[in-house]
N, C-alpha and C. Protein backbone atom coordinates (compact mmCIF):
# COMPACT_ATOMS: atom_id res chain seq x y z
N MET A 1 162.99 151.01 -128.62
CA MET A 1 161.43 151.11 -127.89
C MET A 1 162.29 150.44 -126.39
N ASN A 2 161.54 151.10 -125.73
CA ASN A 2 161.83 151.10 -123.79
C ASN A 2 161.29 149.95 -123.70
N THR A 3 161.61 148.90 -122.98
CA THR A 3 160.59 148.27 -122.57
C THR A 3 160.56 148.03 -120.66
N PRO A 4 158.97 147.61 -120.43
CA PRO A 4 158.35 147.85 -118.66
C PRO A 4 159.80 147.28 -118.09
N LEU A 5 159.52 147.66 -116.74
CA LEU A 5 160.20 147.08 -116.27
C LEU A 5 159.21 146.15 -114.86
N PRO A 6 159.45 144.59 -115.39
CA PRO A 6 159.08 143.83 -114.33
C PRO A 6 159.52 143.55 -113.30
N THR A 7 161.07 143.93 -113.32
CA THR A 7 161.69 143.60 -111.61
C THR A 7 162.08 144.74 -110.85
N ALA A 8 161.27 145.76 -111.78
CA ALA A 8 161.59 147.11 -110.51
C ALA A 8 160.75 146.89 -109.19
N GLU A 9 161.65 146.84 -108.30
CA GLU A 9 160.87 146.90 -107.15
C GLU A 9 160.27 148.67 -106.61
N LEU A 10 159.42 148.31 -106.20
CA LEU A 10 158.51 150.00 -105.71
C LEU A 10 158.75 150.13 -103.97
N VAL A 11 159.27 151.08 -103.52
CA VAL A 11 159.16 150.80 -102.34
C VAL A 11 158.75 152.39 -102.19
N ALA A 12 157.84 152.05 -100.82
CA ALA A 12 157.52 153.99 -100.38
C ALA A 12 158.37 153.82 -99.16
N ASP A 13 158.26 155.26 -98.87
CA ASP A 13 159.15 155.99 -98.03
C ASP A 13 158.57 157.12 -97.12
N ARG A 14 158.14 157.45 -96.20
CA ARG A 14 157.94 158.37 -95.66
C ARG A 14 158.98 159.68 -94.55
N ASP A 15 158.49 160.51 -95.51
CA ASP A 15 159.52 161.71 -94.42
C ASP A 15 158.98 161.80 -93.18
N VAL A 16 159.74 162.89 -92.83
CA VAL A 16 160.27 162.54 -91.25
C VAL A 16 158.68 163.38 -90.17
N ASP A 17 157.99 164.69 -90.91
CA ASP A 17 157.27 164.58 -90.33
C ASP A 17 155.83 164.23 -90.41
N GLY A 18 155.64 163.56 -91.43
CA GLY A 18 154.75 162.86 -91.51
C GLY A 18 153.61 163.07 -92.87
N ASN A 19 153.61 164.24 -93.13
CA ASN A 19 153.01 164.27 -94.07
C ASN A 19 152.88 164.50 -95.32
N GLU A 20 154.40 164.08 -95.94
CA GLU A 20 155.19 163.99 -97.01
C GLU A 20 155.40 162.48 -97.48
N THR A 21 155.07 161.98 -98.30
CA THR A 21 155.36 160.54 -99.13
C THR A 21 155.79 160.63 -100.41
N ARG A 22 157.18 159.73 -100.34
CA ARG A 22 157.78 159.66 -101.40
C ARG A 22 157.71 158.43 -101.48
N LEU A 23 157.19 157.65 -102.89
CA LEU A 23 157.00 156.91 -103.51
C LEU A 23 158.00 156.57 -104.67
N LEU A 24 158.92 155.34 -104.38
CA LEU A 24 160.28 155.04 -105.48
C LEU A 24 160.07 154.18 -106.35
N LEU A 25 160.74 154.22 -107.10
CA LEU A 25 161.13 152.74 -108.01
C LEU A 25 162.35 152.46 -107.73
N ARG A 26 163.11 151.45 -107.70
CA ARG A 26 164.41 151.16 -107.80
C ARG A 26 165.00 150.03 -108.42
N ASP A 27 165.64 150.39 -109.35
CA ASP A 27 166.01 148.98 -110.44
C ASP A 27 166.93 147.34 -109.10
N PRO A 28 166.69 146.42 -109.95
CA PRO A 28 167.23 145.55 -109.13
C PRO A 28 168.25 145.66 -108.34
N ALA A 29 169.26 146.80 -108.90
CA ALA A 29 170.09 146.91 -108.01
C ALA A 29 170.03 147.52 -106.89
N GLY A 30 169.08 148.05 -106.21
CA GLY A 30 168.43 149.17 -105.12
C GLY A 30 168.78 151.28 -106.24
N ALA A 31 169.24 151.22 -107.24
CA ALA A 31 169.49 152.73 -107.21
C ALA A 31 167.58 153.01 -107.80
N GLN A 32 167.67 154.38 -107.62
CA GLN A 32 166.26 154.91 -107.83
C GLN A 32 166.34 155.41 -108.97
N VAL A 33 165.17 154.97 -109.82
CA VAL A 33 165.21 155.49 -111.09
C VAL A 33 163.84 156.10 -111.09
N ALA A 34 163.07 156.43 -110.64
CA ALA A 34 161.74 157.31 -110.37
C ALA A 34 161.37 157.33 -109.04
N TYR A 35 160.29 158.84 -109.04
CA TYR A 35 159.69 158.65 -107.63
C TYR A 35 158.67 159.90 -107.45
N LEU A 36 158.10 159.94 -106.83
CA LEU A 36 156.69 160.96 -106.79
C LEU A 36 156.26 161.39 -105.09
N ASP A 37 156.57 162.52 -105.51
CA ASP A 37 156.48 163.20 -103.51
C ASP A 37 154.98 163.48 -103.71
N VAL A 38 154.30 163.52 -102.76
CA VAL A 38 152.97 163.95 -102.56
C VAL A 38 153.09 164.09 -100.77
N ILE A 39 152.38 165.49 -101.04
CA ILE A 39 151.73 166.35 -99.33
C ILE A 39 150.45 165.62 -99.33
N GLU A 40 150.04 165.50 -98.13
CA GLU A 40 148.68 165.35 -97.53
C GLU A 40 148.69 166.73 -96.83
N GLY A 41 147.67 167.28 -97.59
CA GLY A 41 147.14 168.46 -96.76
C GLY A 41 145.71 168.68 -96.26
N GLY A 42 145.45 168.89 -95.17
CA GLY A 42 143.50 168.61 -95.31
C GLY A 42 143.03 167.92 -95.93
N ASP A 43 142.16 168.35 -96.90
CA ASP A 43 141.62 167.36 -97.33
C ASP A 43 141.52 167.04 -99.05
N GLU A 44 143.08 167.43 -99.27
CA GLU A 44 143.10 166.60 -100.32
C GLU A 44 144.90 166.08 -100.20
N LEU A 45 145.10 165.39 -101.38
CA LEU A 45 146.46 165.34 -101.49
C LEU A 45 146.95 166.23 -102.52
N TRP A 46 148.59 166.49 -102.50
CA TRP A 46 148.83 167.12 -103.24
C TRP A 46 150.40 166.75 -104.07
N VAL A 47 150.32 166.52 -105.60
CA VAL A 47 151.43 166.00 -105.99
C VAL A 47 152.43 166.99 -106.28
N MET A 48 153.68 166.98 -105.79
CA MET A 48 154.71 167.88 -105.47
C MET A 48 155.53 167.55 -107.31
N GLU A 49 155.95 166.52 -107.18
CA GLU A 49 156.91 166.11 -108.16
C GLU A 49 156.55 164.39 -108.07
N ILE A 50 157.05 164.22 -110.03
CA ILE A 50 156.90 163.00 -109.86
C ILE A 50 158.22 163.07 -111.16
N GLY A 51 159.71 162.42 -110.68
CA GLY A 51 160.60 162.17 -111.98
C GLY A 51 160.96 161.13 -112.08
N VAL A 52 161.55 160.78 -113.31
CA VAL A 52 162.11 159.64 -113.86
C VAL A 52 163.29 160.13 -114.24
N ARG A 53 164.39 158.87 -114.01
CA ARG A 53 166.16 158.87 -114.36
C ARG A 53 165.67 159.26 -115.83
N PRO A 54 166.41 159.66 -116.53
CA PRO A 54 166.70 159.49 -118.35
C PRO A 54 166.57 158.86 -118.77
N ASP A 55 167.56 157.81 -118.45
CA ASP A 55 167.65 156.46 -119.40
C ASP A 55 166.31 155.81 -118.64
N TYR A 56 165.84 156.10 -117.87
CA TYR A 56 164.57 154.97 -117.70
C TYR A 56 163.18 155.72 -118.17
N ARG A 57 162.75 156.64 -118.89
CA ARG A 57 162.15 157.57 -119.30
C ARG A 57 161.62 156.75 -120.61
N GLY A 58 160.09 156.37 -120.85
CA GLY A 58 159.19 155.66 -121.76
C GLY A 58 158.97 154.58 -121.13
N ARG A 59 158.86 154.12 -120.11
CA ARG A 59 158.92 152.90 -119.73
C ARG A 59 157.86 152.12 -118.71
N GLY A 60 156.98 153.90 -118.48
CA GLY A 60 155.85 153.34 -117.66
C GLY A 60 156.48 153.35 -116.42
N CYS A 61 157.53 153.91 -115.80
CA CYS A 61 157.68 154.32 -114.63
C CYS A 61 156.93 155.34 -113.67
N ALA A 62 156.33 156.57 -114.35
CA ALA A 62 155.68 157.33 -113.72
C ALA A 62 154.11 156.90 -113.75
N SER A 63 153.89 156.07 -114.81
CA SER A 63 152.46 155.73 -114.54
C SER A 63 152.02 154.70 -113.40
N ARG A 64 153.34 154.05 -113.43
CA ARG A 64 153.66 153.09 -112.42
C ARG A 64 153.29 153.78 -110.88
N LEU A 65 153.97 154.62 -110.88
CA LEU A 65 154.01 154.95 -109.40
C LEU A 65 152.48 156.26 -109.04
N LEU A 66 151.94 156.42 -110.19
CA LEU A 66 150.81 157.71 -110.08
C LEU A 66 149.61 156.39 -110.41
N ASN A 67 149.86 155.52 -110.66
CA ASN A 67 148.51 154.09 -110.62
C ASN A 67 148.64 153.67 -109.31
N THR A 68 149.73 153.88 -108.47
CA THR A 68 150.02 153.15 -107.19
C THR A 68 149.39 154.56 -106.20
N LEU A 69 149.75 155.58 -106.48
CA LEU A 69 148.77 156.47 -105.85
C LEU A 69 147.21 156.66 -106.00
N LEU A 70 146.72 156.85 -106.75
CA LEU A 70 145.37 156.83 -107.27
C LEU A 70 144.90 154.98 -106.87
N ALA A 71 145.09 154.26 -106.55
CA ALA A 71 145.24 152.99 -105.87
C ALA A 71 145.20 153.15 -104.66
N GLU A 72 145.93 153.39 -103.56
CA GLU A 72 145.91 153.79 -102.58
C GLU A 72 144.90 154.67 -101.37
N TYR A 73 144.82 155.45 -102.66
CA TYR A 73 143.84 156.79 -102.51
C TYR A 73 142.03 156.75 -103.56
N PRO A 74 141.62 156.18 -103.45
CA PRO A 74 140.77 156.04 -104.79
C PRO A 74 139.72 156.78 -104.51
N SER A 75 139.53 157.19 -103.55
CA SER A 75 138.08 158.45 -102.91
C SER A 75 138.54 159.97 -102.98
N ASP A 76 140.18 159.92 -102.64
CA ASP A 76 140.55 161.27 -102.19
C ASP A 76 140.86 162.13 -103.51
N GLN A 77 140.25 163.19 -102.90
CA GLN A 77 140.87 164.76 -103.90
C GLN A 77 142.64 164.76 -104.04
N ILE A 78 142.99 164.65 -105.15
CA ILE A 78 144.31 164.75 -105.59
C ILE A 78 144.61 165.60 -106.48
N ALA A 79 145.47 166.71 -106.06
CA ALA A 79 145.59 167.82 -107.35
C ALA A 79 147.00 168.65 -107.20
N LEU A 80 147.70 168.91 -108.22
CA LEU A 80 148.62 168.97 -108.86
C LEU A 80 148.82 170.18 -109.85
N SER A 81 149.95 170.86 -109.84
CA SER A 81 150.28 172.36 -110.84
C SER A 81 151.05 171.35 -111.34
N CYS A 82 150.43 171.26 -113.55
CA CYS A 82 151.36 170.79 -114.05
C CYS A 82 151.60 171.52 -114.68
N GLY A 83 153.47 171.12 -114.57
CA GLY A 83 154.54 172.31 -115.00
C GLY A 83 155.66 171.06 -115.37
N ALA A 84 156.21 171.47 -116.30
CA ALA A 84 157.38 170.50 -116.48
C ALA A 84 158.88 170.91 -116.19
N PHE A 85 159.74 170.07 -115.27
CA PHE A 85 160.78 170.89 -114.68
C PHE A 85 162.08 169.59 -114.79
N SER A 86 163.06 169.93 -114.47
CA SER A 86 164.31 168.90 -114.46
C SER A 86 164.56 168.35 -113.34
N PRO A 87 164.34 167.56 -113.27
CA PRO A 87 164.94 166.61 -112.03
C PRO A 87 166.64 166.67 -111.59
N ASP A 88 167.35 167.70 -112.01
CA ASP A 88 168.65 167.79 -111.48
C ASP A 88 169.06 167.51 -110.17
N HIS A 89 167.72 167.66 -108.95
CA HIS A 89 168.28 167.68 -107.81
C HIS A 89 168.63 166.40 -107.47
N VAL A 90 168.28 165.48 -108.36
CA VAL A 90 168.07 164.29 -108.03
C VAL A 90 169.35 162.93 -109.05
N TRP A 91 168.98 163.64 -110.15
CA TRP A 91 170.21 163.07 -111.56
C TRP A 91 171.02 164.29 -111.94
N ARG A 92 171.96 164.48 -111.27
CA ARG A 92 172.73 165.39 -112.42
C ARG A 92 172.62 165.59 -114.03
N GLY A 93 172.39 166.74 -114.56
CA GLY A 93 172.16 167.04 -115.69
C GLY A 93 170.78 166.43 -116.29
N ALA A 94 170.16 165.65 -115.91
CA ALA A 94 168.91 165.79 -116.15
C ALA A 94 167.99 167.12 -116.69
N ARG A 95 167.38 166.46 -117.97
CA ARG A 95 166.84 167.54 -118.67
C ARG A 95 165.30 167.48 -118.37
N GLU A 96 164.61 168.66 -118.80
CA GLU A 96 162.89 168.17 -118.15
C GLU A 96 162.50 167.15 -118.92
N GLY A 97 161.29 166.89 -118.74
CA GLY A 97 160.47 165.91 -119.50
C GLY A 97 159.85 166.12 -120.02
N LEU A 98 158.22 165.47 -120.10
CA LEU A 98 157.14 166.02 -120.88
C LEU A 98 157.43 167.62 -121.05
N PRO A 99 157.10 167.81 -122.31
CA PRO A 99 156.47 169.52 -122.68
C PRO A 99 154.91 169.89 -121.83
N ASP A 100 154.61 170.85 -121.36
CA ASP A 100 153.57 170.71 -120.83
C ASP A 100 152.29 170.20 -121.52
N ASP A 101 152.05 170.78 -122.74
CA ASP A 101 150.74 170.29 -123.54
C ASP A 101 150.86 168.64 -123.23
N ALA A 102 151.89 168.06 -123.63
CA ALA A 102 152.13 166.36 -123.67
C ALA A 102 151.92 165.90 -121.97
N LEU A 103 152.58 166.87 -121.09
CA LEU A 103 152.06 166.16 -119.46
C LEU A 103 150.33 166.76 -119.51
N ARG A 104 150.28 168.00 -119.73
CA ARG A 104 148.44 167.50 -119.11
C ARG A 104 147.85 166.53 -119.90
N ALA A 105 147.99 166.08 -121.52
CA ALA A 105 147.28 164.96 -121.70
C ALA A 105 147.44 163.91 -120.69
N TRP A 106 148.59 163.50 -120.77
CA TRP A 106 149.52 162.35 -119.79
C TRP A 106 148.24 162.22 -118.57
N TYR A 107 148.43 163.80 -117.69
CA TYR A 107 147.53 163.54 -116.47
C TYR A 107 146.08 163.11 -117.15
N THR A 108 145.84 164.25 -117.98
CA THR A 108 144.00 163.67 -118.25
C THR A 108 144.28 162.02 -118.53
N ARG A 109 145.16 161.58 -119.44
CA ARG A 109 144.89 160.03 -119.20
C ARG A 109 145.06 159.43 -118.01
N HIS A 110 145.02 159.91 -116.87
CA HIS A 110 145.10 159.34 -115.65
C HIS A 110 144.09 159.79 -115.08
N GLY A 111 142.91 160.53 -115.32
CA GLY A 111 141.72 160.78 -114.55
C GLY A 111 141.81 162.01 -114.22
N PHE A 112 142.93 163.01 -114.23
CA PHE A 112 142.79 164.47 -114.03
C PHE A 112 142.27 165.41 -115.17
N ARG A 113 141.39 166.14 -114.56
CA ARG A 113 140.49 167.30 -115.27
C ARG A 113 141.56 168.80 -114.66
N PRO A 114 141.42 169.58 -115.33
CA PRO A 114 141.54 171.09 -114.91
C PRO A 114 140.71 171.34 -113.72
N ASP A 115 141.15 171.75 -112.49
CA ASP A 115 141.19 172.16 -111.71
C ASP A 115 139.93 173.13 -111.16
N PRO A 116 138.76 172.79 -110.99
CA PRO A 116 137.46 174.13 -110.99
C PRO A 116 137.52 174.80 -109.65
N ARG A 117 138.28 174.73 -108.93
CA ARG A 117 138.68 175.34 -107.83
C ARG A 117 139.31 176.22 -108.06
N GLU A 118 140.36 175.81 -108.71
CA GLU A 118 141.54 177.30 -108.53
C GLU A 118 141.58 177.77 -109.86
N ASP A 119 141.66 179.25 -109.30
CA ASP A 119 140.88 180.36 -109.79
C ASP A 119 141.91 181.40 -109.75
N GLU A 120 143.28 181.07 -108.89
CA GLU A 120 144.16 182.54 -108.79
C GLU A 120 145.61 182.33 -108.99
N ILE A 121 146.38 181.00 -108.82
CA ILE A 121 147.60 181.04 -108.95
C ILE A 121 147.71 180.00 -110.19
N GLU A 122 148.15 180.15 -111.00
CA GLU A 122 148.12 179.53 -112.52
C GLU A 122 147.05 178.54 -112.72
N PRO A 123 145.74 179.16 -112.84
CA PRO A 123 145.08 178.20 -113.23
C PRO A 123 145.00 176.98 -114.10
N GLU A 124 145.71 177.30 -115.39
CA GLU A 124 145.90 176.85 -116.42
C GLU A 124 146.96 175.94 -116.35
N ARG A 125 147.22 175.44 -115.05
CA ARG A 125 148.20 174.31 -114.73
C ARG A 125 147.95 173.52 -114.03
N CYS A 126 146.51 173.89 -112.93
CA CYS A 126 146.45 173.40 -111.72
C CYS A 126 145.07 172.47 -112.48
N MET A 127 145.37 171.02 -112.19
CA MET A 127 144.76 170.00 -112.42
C MET A 127 144.54 169.12 -110.98
N ALA A 128 143.41 168.58 -111.15
CA ALA A 128 142.64 167.52 -110.12
C ALA A 128 142.12 166.53 -110.59
N ARG A 129 141.90 165.26 -109.60
CA ARG A 129 141.26 164.22 -109.90
C ARG A 129 140.32 164.51 -108.73
N LEU A 130 139.22 164.72 -109.11
CA LEU A 130 138.40 165.03 -107.59
C LEU A 130 137.06 164.17 -107.53
N PRO A 131 136.82 163.77 -106.62
CA PRO A 131 136.37 161.89 -106.00
C PRO A 131 134.99 162.13 -106.66
N ALA A 132 134.31 161.15 -107.20
CA ALA A 132 132.93 161.43 -108.07
C ALA A 132 131.82 161.65 -106.44
N PRO A 133 130.78 162.52 -106.97
CA PRO A 133 129.86 162.89 -105.78
C PRO A 133 129.99 161.46 -104.58
N SER A 134 129.42 160.24 -105.22
CA SER A 134 128.34 159.57 -104.44
C SER A 134 129.88 158.95 -103.64
N GLN A 135 131.21 158.99 -103.64
CA GLN A 135 132.49 159.16 -102.51
C GLN A 135 132.10 159.88 -101.83
N THR A 136 132.12 161.27 -102.37
CA THR A 136 132.35 162.24 -101.47
C THR A 136 130.81 161.90 -100.57
N ALA A 137 129.86 162.17 -100.94
CA ALA A 137 128.47 161.94 -100.09
C ALA A 137 128.82 160.98 -99.09
N GLN A 138 129.60 159.28 -99.41
CA GLN A 138 130.16 158.46 -98.69
C GLN A 138 130.86 159.10 -97.53
N ARG A 139 131.72 159.44 -97.67
CA ARG A 139 133.34 160.14 -97.19
C ARG A 139 132.56 160.66 -96.04
N ALA A 140 131.30 162.15 -96.52
CA ALA A 140 130.73 162.87 -95.44
C ALA A 140 129.93 161.81 -94.52
N VAL A 141 129.32 161.13 -94.56
CA VAL A 141 128.24 160.00 -93.87
C VAL A 141 129.32 159.17 -93.03
N THR A 142 130.71 158.67 -93.25
CA THR A 142 131.35 158.08 -92.19
C THR A 142 132.52 158.92 -91.43
N ALA A 143 132.17 160.48 -91.69
CA ALA A 143 133.51 161.00 -90.89
C ALA A 143 132.87 161.59 -89.72
């Protein structure tokens, strides 16, 4: 069984144009072991990718990154397209992560639900963590 990485260091980087953030987990030697890319787009955040290096999968890295994002934006709408992919562009030869059904269950455990606003582009894959009505009303008052 894989053990958690208490010594992994969380580093947040922001790209050049300022609307994309990449959260990173690095091992004690500084090598990247996991990442989460999110884009700020108007009234919501969009999770583009979460990738974990194959030898670090099953150790809570993706959960740690997603929980960091959720804690940073507790009242924001966060959306994503739920589908497995291979982070081969980051780690050569990396295989796909969780199968789609397991991935949907993982996002559900983190508070995401099928996105009721999405009915055109792959609605079966679209999920969102929508702010509670009280948070939405509070945001409107303070805006």
